[in-house]
């Protein structure tokens, strides 16, 4: 397993992205992605190998994958998940689920940015963890 990115939820996506850009980060994608099924906007920034994914709820009147960490916080941004690259997402998820320590937050689906596979598991002490399998050649 290798760290892929940290996922943060922001109350103001543009201001948060701009703050990262001032620190020397660059946008990974020119345009903000609108992930309609999860009711959120997403932008990624990078500094060297470090990637930060920033999400904002698109419509506050609707449920969103991104709203949970900010519900009980006055902070302008909150860590939502940590994402790891894995070689075989099916095997990784099966092994972790077999420990009894994880629950499935979102089953294996397609990613937002490229043709990859992702899965979100929740651990009672770690929180939300995303697993990311790159497309096989």
N, C-alpha and C. Protein backbone atom coordinates (compact mmCIF):
# COMPACT_ATOMS: atom_id res chain seq x y z
N UNK A 1 0.84 -1.18 0.00
CA UNK A 1 0.00 0.00 0.00
C UNK A 1 0.88 1.24 0.00
N UNK A 2 0.44 2.24 -0.74
CA UNK A 2 1.17 3.50 -0.83
C UNK A 2 0.15 4.64 -0.70
N UNK A 3 0.51 5.70 0.01
CA UNK A 3 -0.37 6.84 0.15
C UNK A 3 -0.63 7.48 -1.21
N UNK A 4 -1.90 7.68 -1.54
CA UNK A 4 -2.28 8.33 -2.80
C UNK A 4 -2.58 9.80 -2.55
N UNK A 5 -3.52 10.08 -1.63
CA UNK A 5 -3.86 11.48 -1.33
C UNK A 5 -4.59 11.59 0.00
N UNK A 6 -4.67 12.82 0.48
CA UNK A 6 -5.50 13.16 1.64
C UNK A 6 -6.72 13.88 1.10
N UNK A 7 -7.90 13.51 1.58
CA UNK A 7 -9.14 14.12 1.12
C UNK A 7 -9.72 15.04 2.19
N UNK A 8 -9.88 16.31 1.85
CA UNK A 8 -10.42 17.30 2.77
C UNK A 8 -11.75 17.83 2.26
N UNK A 9 -12.64 18.16 3.18
CA UNK A 9 -13.89 18.83 2.85
C UNK A 9 -13.73 20.29 3.25
N UNK A 10 -14.11 21.18 2.35
CA UNK A 10 -13.98 22.62 2.60
C UNK A 10 -15.33 23.30 2.51
N UNK A 11 -15.49 24.34 3.30
CA UNK A 11 -16.70 25.15 3.19
C UNK A 11 -16.64 26.05 1.96
N UNK A 12 -15.43 26.43 1.54
CA UNK A 12 -15.24 27.27 0.36
C UNK A 12 -14.10 26.68 -0.48
N UNK A 13 -14.46 25.94 -1.50
CA UNK A 13 -13.49 25.24 -2.34
C UNK A 13 -12.48 26.19 -2.96
N UNK A 14 -12.95 27.27 -3.54
CA UNK A 14 -12.05 28.20 -4.23
C UNK A 14 -11.03 28.80 -3.28
N UNK A 15 -11.48 29.27 -2.12
CA UNK A 15 -10.55 29.89 -1.17
C UNK A 15 -9.55 28.86 -0.64
N UNK A 16 -9.99 27.64 -0.43
CA UNK A 16 -9.09 26.60 0.06
C UNK A 16 -8.05 26.24 -1.00
N UNK A 17 -8.48 26.06 -2.25
CA UNK A 17 -7.55 25.77 -3.35
C UNK A 17 -6.56 26.92 -3.50
N UNK A 18 -7.06 28.16 -3.47
CA UNK A 18 -6.18 29.32 -3.61
C UNK A 18 -5.12 29.36 -2.51
N UNK A 19 -5.49 28.98 -1.28
CA UNK A 19 -4.54 28.96 -0.17
C UNK A 19 -3.43 27.93 -0.43
N UNK A 20 -3.79 26.76 -0.97
CA UNK A 20 -2.78 25.76 -1.32
C UNK A 20 -1.87 26.27 -2.44
N UNK A 21 -2.46 26.96 -3.43
CA UNK A 21 -1.66 27.49 -4.54
C UNK A 21 -0.64 28.51 -4.03
N UNK A 22 -1.01 29.31 -3.05
CA UNK A 22 -0.09 30.28 -2.46
C UNK A 22 1.08 29.59 -1.76
N UNK A 23 0.88 28.35 -1.31
CA UNK A 23 1.96 27.59 -0.66
C UNK A 23 2.84 26.87 -1.68
N UNK A 24 2.55 27.02 -2.97
CA UNK A 24 3.38 26.40 -3.99
C UNK A 24 2.79 25.16 -4.63
N UNK A 25 1.59 24.75 -4.21
CA UNK A 25 0.92 23.62 -4.84
C UNK A 25 0.48 24.03 -6.25
N UNK A 26 0.27 23.05 -7.10
CA UNK A 26 -0.27 23.27 -8.44
C UNK A 26 -1.54 22.45 -8.59
N UNK A 27 -2.45 22.92 -9.42
CA UNK A 27 -3.66 22.15 -9.69
C UNK A 27 -3.31 20.89 -10.48
N UNK A 28 -3.90 19.78 -10.10
CA UNK A 28 -3.72 18.53 -10.83
C UNK A 28 -4.60 18.55 -12.08
N UNK A 29 -5.78 19.13 -11.96
CA UNK A 29 -6.73 19.27 -13.07
C UNK A 29 -7.10 20.74 -13.17
N UNK A 30 -7.17 21.26 -14.40
CA UNK A 30 -7.50 22.67 -14.58
C UNK A 30 -8.89 23.02 -14.06
N UNK A 31 -9.84 22.13 -14.33
CA UNK A 31 -11.23 22.42 -13.97
C UNK A 31 -11.65 21.67 -12.71
N UNK A 32 -12.53 22.30 -11.96
CA UNK A 32 -13.16 21.64 -10.82
C UNK A 32 -14.08 20.57 -11.38
N UNK A 33 -14.05 19.37 -10.79
CA UNK A 33 -14.93 18.28 -11.22
C UNK A 33 -16.22 18.34 -10.41
N UNK A 34 -17.35 18.18 -11.08
CA UNK A 34 -18.64 18.11 -10.40
C UNK A 34 -19.05 16.64 -10.36
N UNK A 35 -18.95 16.05 -9.19
CA UNK A 35 -19.34 14.65 -9.02
C UNK A 35 -20.81 14.64 -8.62
N UNK A 36 -21.68 14.52 -9.61
CA UNK A 36 -23.12 14.63 -9.40
C UNK A 36 -23.66 13.57 -8.43
N UNK A 37 -23.31 12.27 -8.57
CA UNK A 37 -23.87 11.28 -7.65
C UNK A 37 -23.52 11.53 -6.18
N UNK A 38 -22.35 12.12 -5.93
CA UNK A 38 -21.95 12.39 -4.55
C UNK A 38 -22.27 13.82 -4.12
N UNK A 39 -22.90 14.60 -5.01
CA UNK A 39 -23.30 15.97 -4.71
C UNK A 39 -22.12 16.78 -4.19
N UNK A 40 -21.02 16.78 -4.96
CA UNK A 40 -19.87 17.54 -4.52
C UNK A 40 -19.04 18.02 -5.69
N UNK A 41 -18.29 19.08 -5.42
CA UNK A 41 -17.28 19.58 -6.34
C UNK A 41 -15.93 19.11 -5.81
N UNK A 42 -15.01 18.79 -6.71
CA UNK A 42 -13.71 18.27 -6.31
C UNK A 42 -12.60 18.94 -7.12
N UNK A 43 -11.53 19.31 -6.42
CA UNK A 43 -10.32 19.81 -7.06
C UNK A 43 -9.13 19.16 -6.37
N UNK A 44 -8.14 18.77 -7.13
CA UNK A 44 -6.92 18.21 -6.56
C UNK A 44 -5.76 19.16 -6.79
N UNK A 45 -4.89 19.25 -5.79
CA UNK A 45 -3.67 20.04 -5.90
C UNK A 45 -2.49 19.15 -5.53
N UNK A 46 -1.30 19.52 -6.03
CA UNK A 46 -0.12 18.67 -5.83
C UNK A 46 1.09 19.55 -5.52
N UNK A 47 1.93 19.02 -4.64
CA UNK A 47 3.24 19.60 -4.36
C UNK A 47 4.21 18.43 -4.35
N UNK A 48 5.00 18.28 -5.42
CA UNK A 48 5.84 17.09 -5.56
C UNK A 48 4.95 15.86 -5.65
N UNK A 49 5.19 14.88 -4.79
CA UNK A 49 4.37 13.66 -4.77
C UNK A 49 3.14 13.79 -3.88
N UNK A 50 3.04 14.88 -3.12
CA UNK A 50 1.92 15.05 -2.19
C UNK A 50 0.69 15.57 -2.93
N UNK A 51 -0.40 14.82 -2.82
CA UNK A 51 -1.66 15.23 -3.45
C UNK A 51 -2.70 15.47 -2.37
N UNK A 52 -3.40 16.57 -2.50
CA UNK A 52 -4.51 16.91 -1.62
C UNK A 52 -5.76 17.02 -2.48
N UNK A 53 -6.81 16.32 -2.07
CA UNK A 53 -8.10 16.39 -2.76
C UNK A 53 -9.02 17.24 -1.89
N UNK A 54 -9.60 18.26 -2.48
CA UNK A 54 -10.47 19.17 -1.74
C UNK A 54 -11.87 19.06 -2.32
N UNK A 55 -12.84 18.85 -1.42
CA UNK A 55 -14.23 18.66 -1.84
C UNK A 55 -15.11 19.73 -1.18
N UNK A 56 -16.17 20.09 -1.87
CA UNK A 56 -17.18 20.98 -1.31
C UNK A 56 -18.55 20.46 -1.73
N UNK A 57 -19.50 20.51 -0.83
CA UNK A 57 -20.86 20.08 -1.16
C UNK A 57 -21.42 21.01 -2.23
N UNK A 58 -22.03 20.42 -3.24
CA UNK A 58 -22.59 21.20 -4.35
C UNK A 58 -23.93 21.84 -3.97
N UNK A 59 -24.80 21.09 -3.31
CA UNK A 59 -26.13 21.58 -2.93
C UNK A 59 -26.40 21.16 -1.49
N UNK A 60 -26.36 22.12 -0.57
CA UNK A 60 -26.51 21.83 0.86
C UNK A 60 -27.88 21.28 1.23
N UNK A 61 -28.86 21.42 0.36
CA UNK A 61 -30.19 20.91 0.67
C UNK A 61 -30.33 19.41 0.35
N UNK A 62 -29.28 18.82 -0.23
CA UNK A 62 -29.30 17.41 -0.61
C UNK A 62 -28.21 16.65 0.14
N UNK A 63 -28.39 15.34 0.34
CA UNK A 63 -27.34 14.54 0.97
C UNK A 63 -26.05 14.57 0.15
N UNK A 64 -24.93 14.51 0.83
CA UNK A 64 -23.65 14.51 0.14
C UNK A 64 -22.64 13.66 0.87
N UNK A 65 -21.83 12.99 0.09
CA UNK A 65 -20.72 12.20 0.60
C UNK A 65 -19.74 13.09 1.38
N UNK A 66 -19.66 14.37 1.01
CA UNK A 66 -18.64 15.27 1.55
C UNK A 66 -19.05 16.06 2.77
N UNK A 67 -20.28 15.98 3.22
CA UNK A 67 -20.75 16.89 4.26
C UNK A 67 -20.41 16.46 5.69
N UNK A 68 -20.28 15.20 5.92
CA UNK A 68 -20.17 14.65 7.27
C UNK A 68 -19.13 15.32 8.18
N UNK A 69 -17.86 15.48 7.77
CA UNK A 69 -16.88 16.03 8.70
C UNK A 69 -17.13 17.48 9.11
N UNK A 70 -17.84 18.24 8.29
CA UNK A 70 -18.08 19.65 8.62
C UNK A 70 -19.38 19.86 9.39
N UNK A 71 -20.20 18.83 9.50
CA UNK A 71 -21.48 18.96 10.20
C UNK A 71 -21.32 19.44 11.64
N UNK A 72 -20.31 18.95 12.33
CA UNK A 72 -20.15 19.27 13.74
C UNK A 72 -18.91 20.14 13.99
N UNK A 73 -18.45 20.85 12.98
CA UNK A 73 -17.23 21.62 13.12
C UNK A 73 -17.41 23.06 12.67
N UNK A 74 -16.76 23.96 13.37
CA UNK A 74 -16.74 25.36 12.95
C UNK A 74 -15.54 25.62 12.03
N UNK A 75 -14.69 24.62 11.86
CA UNK A 75 -13.50 24.77 11.03
C UNK A 75 -13.87 24.99 9.56
N UNK A 76 -13.05 25.73 8.81
CA UNK A 76 -13.33 25.94 7.39
C UNK A 76 -13.01 24.74 6.52
N UNK A 77 -12.24 23.79 7.07
CA UNK A 77 -11.84 22.59 6.33
C UNK A 77 -11.64 21.46 7.32
N UNK A 78 -11.92 20.22 6.88
CA UNK A 78 -11.75 19.06 7.77
C UNK A 78 -11.27 17.87 6.94
N UNK A 79 -10.39 17.07 7.55
CA UNK A 79 -9.94 15.84 6.89
C UNK A 79 -11.12 14.88 6.79
N UNK A 80 -11.38 14.39 5.59
CA UNK A 80 -12.48 13.46 5.40
C UNK A 80 -12.00 12.03 5.24
N UNK A 81 -10.90 11.84 4.48
CA UNK A 81 -10.41 10.48 4.28
C UNK A 81 -8.93 10.48 3.90
N UNK A 82 -8.33 9.31 4.03
CA UNK A 82 -6.98 9.06 3.56
C UNK A 82 -7.11 7.99 2.48
N UNK A 83 -6.41 8.18 1.36
CA UNK A 83 -6.51 7.25 0.24
C UNK A 83 -5.18 6.55 0.01
N UNK A 84 -5.26 5.24 -0.22
CA UNK A 84 -4.07 4.42 -0.48
C UNK A 84 -4.21 3.72 -1.82
N UNK A 85 -3.10 3.67 -2.57
CA UNK A 85 -3.03 2.85 -3.78
C UNK A 85 -2.87 1.40 -3.37
N UNK A 86 -3.59 0.52 -4.04
CA UNK A 86 -3.45 -0.92 -3.81
C UNK A 86 -3.35 -1.63 -5.16
N UNK A 87 -2.67 -2.76 -5.17
CA UNK A 87 -2.52 -3.54 -6.41
C UNK A 87 -3.82 -4.21 -6.81
N UNK A 88 -4.52 -4.78 -5.85
CA UNK A 88 -5.74 -5.54 -6.12
C UNK A 88 -6.80 -5.11 -5.10
N UNK A 89 -7.72 -4.30 -5.53
CA UNK A 89 -8.71 -3.74 -4.61
C UNK A 89 -9.64 -4.81 -4.05
N UNK A 90 -10.00 -5.80 -4.88
CA UNK A 90 -10.87 -6.87 -4.40
C UNK A 90 -10.21 -7.63 -3.26
N UNK A 91 -8.94 -7.97 -3.44
CA UNK A 91 -8.20 -8.72 -2.43
C UNK A 91 -8.02 -7.87 -1.16
N UNK A 92 -7.67 -6.60 -1.32
CA UNK A 92 -7.47 -5.72 -0.17
C UNK A 92 -8.74 -5.58 0.64
N UNK A 93 -9.85 -5.32 -0.04
CA UNK A 93 -11.13 -5.14 0.66
C UNK A 93 -11.53 -6.44 1.36
N UNK A 94 -11.38 -7.56 0.69
CA UNK A 94 -11.74 -8.86 1.30
C UNK A 94 -10.90 -9.12 2.55
N UNK A 95 -9.60 -8.86 2.48
CA UNK A 95 -8.73 -9.08 3.63
C UNK A 95 -9.09 -8.18 4.81
N UNK A 96 -9.33 -6.92 4.53
CA UNK A 96 -9.66 -5.98 5.61
C UNK A 96 -11.04 -6.27 6.20
N UNK A 97 -12.00 -6.59 5.36
CA UNK A 97 -13.33 -6.91 5.87
C UNK A 97 -13.30 -8.17 6.73
N UNK A 98 -12.43 -9.12 6.40
CA UNK A 98 -12.31 -10.36 7.17
C UNK A 98 -11.80 -10.13 8.59
N UNK A 99 -11.16 -8.99 8.84
CA UNK A 99 -10.66 -8.69 10.19
C UNK A 99 -11.80 -8.34 11.14
N UNK A 100 -12.95 -7.95 10.60
CA UNK A 100 -14.06 -7.51 11.43
C UNK A 100 -13.90 -6.09 11.95
N UNK A 101 -12.84 -5.42 11.54
CA UNK A 101 -12.54 -4.06 12.02
C UNK A 101 -13.14 -2.97 11.12
N UNK A 102 -13.58 -3.35 9.93
CA UNK A 102 -14.04 -2.36 8.94
C UNK A 102 -15.50 -2.60 8.57
N UNK A 103 -16.16 -1.54 8.14
CA UNK A 103 -17.47 -1.63 7.51
C UNK A 103 -17.36 -0.95 6.15
N UNK A 104 -18.19 -1.37 5.23
CA UNK A 104 -18.17 -0.76 3.90
C UNK A 104 -18.96 0.54 3.95
N UNK A 105 -18.29 1.63 3.62
CA UNK A 105 -18.94 2.94 3.53
C UNK A 105 -19.47 3.14 2.10
N UNK A 106 -18.67 2.73 1.13
CA UNK A 106 -19.08 2.77 -0.27
C UNK A 106 -18.40 1.62 -0.99
N UNK A 107 -19.16 0.72 -1.62
CA UNK A 107 -18.55 -0.44 -2.27
C UNK A 107 -17.67 -0.02 -3.45
N UNK A 108 -17.00 -0.98 -4.03
CA UNK A 108 -16.10 -0.71 -5.15
C UNK A 108 -16.88 -0.10 -6.31
N UNK A 109 -16.38 1.05 -6.76
CA UNK A 109 -17.00 1.78 -7.88
C UNK A 109 -15.90 2.34 -8.77
N UNK A 110 -16.30 3.05 -9.81
CA UNK A 110 -15.34 3.74 -10.67
C UNK A 110 -14.97 5.07 -10.05
N UNK A 111 -13.74 5.52 -10.31
CA UNK A 111 -13.26 6.79 -9.78
C UNK A 111 -13.82 7.98 -10.54
N UNK A 112 -13.53 9.16 -10.02
CA UNK A 112 -14.03 10.41 -10.60
C UNK A 112 -13.11 10.92 -11.70
N UNK A 113 -11.80 10.75 -11.54
CA UNK A 113 -10.85 11.42 -12.42
C UNK A 113 -10.32 10.58 -13.56
N UNK A 114 -10.23 9.30 -13.38
CA UNK A 114 -9.72 8.44 -14.43
C UNK A 114 -10.37 7.07 -14.31
N UNK A 115 -10.03 6.17 -15.21
CA UNK A 115 -10.67 4.85 -15.19
C UNK A 115 -10.00 3.95 -14.18
N UNK A 116 -10.22 4.26 -12.92
CA UNK A 116 -9.68 3.46 -11.84
C UNK A 116 -10.83 2.90 -11.02
N UNK A 117 -10.51 2.09 -10.03
CA UNK A 117 -11.52 1.53 -9.13
C UNK A 117 -11.22 2.03 -7.73
N UNK A 118 -12.28 2.39 -7.00
CA UNK A 118 -12.12 2.88 -5.65
C UNK A 118 -13.11 2.18 -4.72
N UNK A 119 -12.82 2.24 -3.43
CA UNK A 119 -13.71 1.71 -2.41
C UNK A 119 -13.44 2.48 -1.12
N UNK A 120 -14.49 2.79 -0.38
CA UNK A 120 -14.34 3.46 0.91
C UNK A 120 -14.77 2.52 2.02
N UNK A 121 -13.87 2.31 2.97
CA UNK A 121 -14.17 1.53 4.16
C UNK A 121 -14.06 2.44 5.37
N UNK A 122 -14.82 2.12 6.41
CA UNK A 122 -14.76 2.89 7.65
C UNK A 122 -14.23 1.98 8.76
N UNK A 123 -13.27 2.53 9.49
CA UNK A 123 -12.70 1.84 10.65
C UNK A 123 -13.05 2.67 11.88
N UNK A 124 -13.41 2.03 12.97
CA UNK A 124 -13.89 2.78 14.14
C UNK A 124 -12.82 3.64 14.77
N UNK A 125 -11.54 3.36 14.55
CA UNK A 125 -10.47 4.18 15.12
C UNK A 125 -9.74 5.03 14.09
N UNK A 126 -9.72 4.58 12.84
CA UNK A 126 -9.02 5.30 11.79
C UNK A 126 -9.94 6.27 11.06
N UNK A 127 -11.21 5.93 10.94
CA UNK A 127 -12.15 6.75 10.19
C UNK A 127 -12.29 6.23 8.77
N UNK A 128 -12.55 7.14 7.86
CA UNK A 128 -12.82 6.78 6.47
C UNK A 128 -11.50 6.59 5.71
N UNK A 129 -11.40 5.44 5.02
CA UNK A 129 -10.21 5.10 4.26
C UNK A 129 -10.65 4.74 2.84
N UNK A 130 -9.99 5.35 1.87
CA UNK A 130 -10.27 5.03 0.46
C UNK A 130 -9.14 4.16 -0.07
N UNK A 131 -9.51 3.18 -0.90
CA UNK A 131 -8.54 2.35 -1.57
C UNK A 131 -8.69 2.57 -3.07
N UNK A 132 -7.58 2.69 -3.76
CA UNK A 132 -7.52 3.15 -5.15
C UNK A 132 -6.70 2.15 -5.95
N UNK A 133 -7.32 1.54 -6.96
CA UNK A 133 -6.62 0.61 -7.85
C UNK A 133 -6.49 1.27 -9.21
N UNK A 134 -5.24 1.44 -9.65
CA UNK A 134 -4.99 2.01 -10.97
C UNK A 134 -5.44 1.04 -12.05
N UNK A 135 -5.83 1.54 -13.22
CA UNK A 135 -6.22 0.64 -14.31
C UNK A 135 -5.07 -0.30 -14.68
N UNK A 136 -5.41 -1.51 -14.97
CA UNK A 136 -4.41 -2.50 -15.39
C UNK A 136 -4.21 -2.35 -16.90
N UNK A 137 -2.98 -2.45 -17.33
CA UNK A 137 -2.65 -2.27 -18.77
C UNK A 137 -3.13 -3.44 -19.59
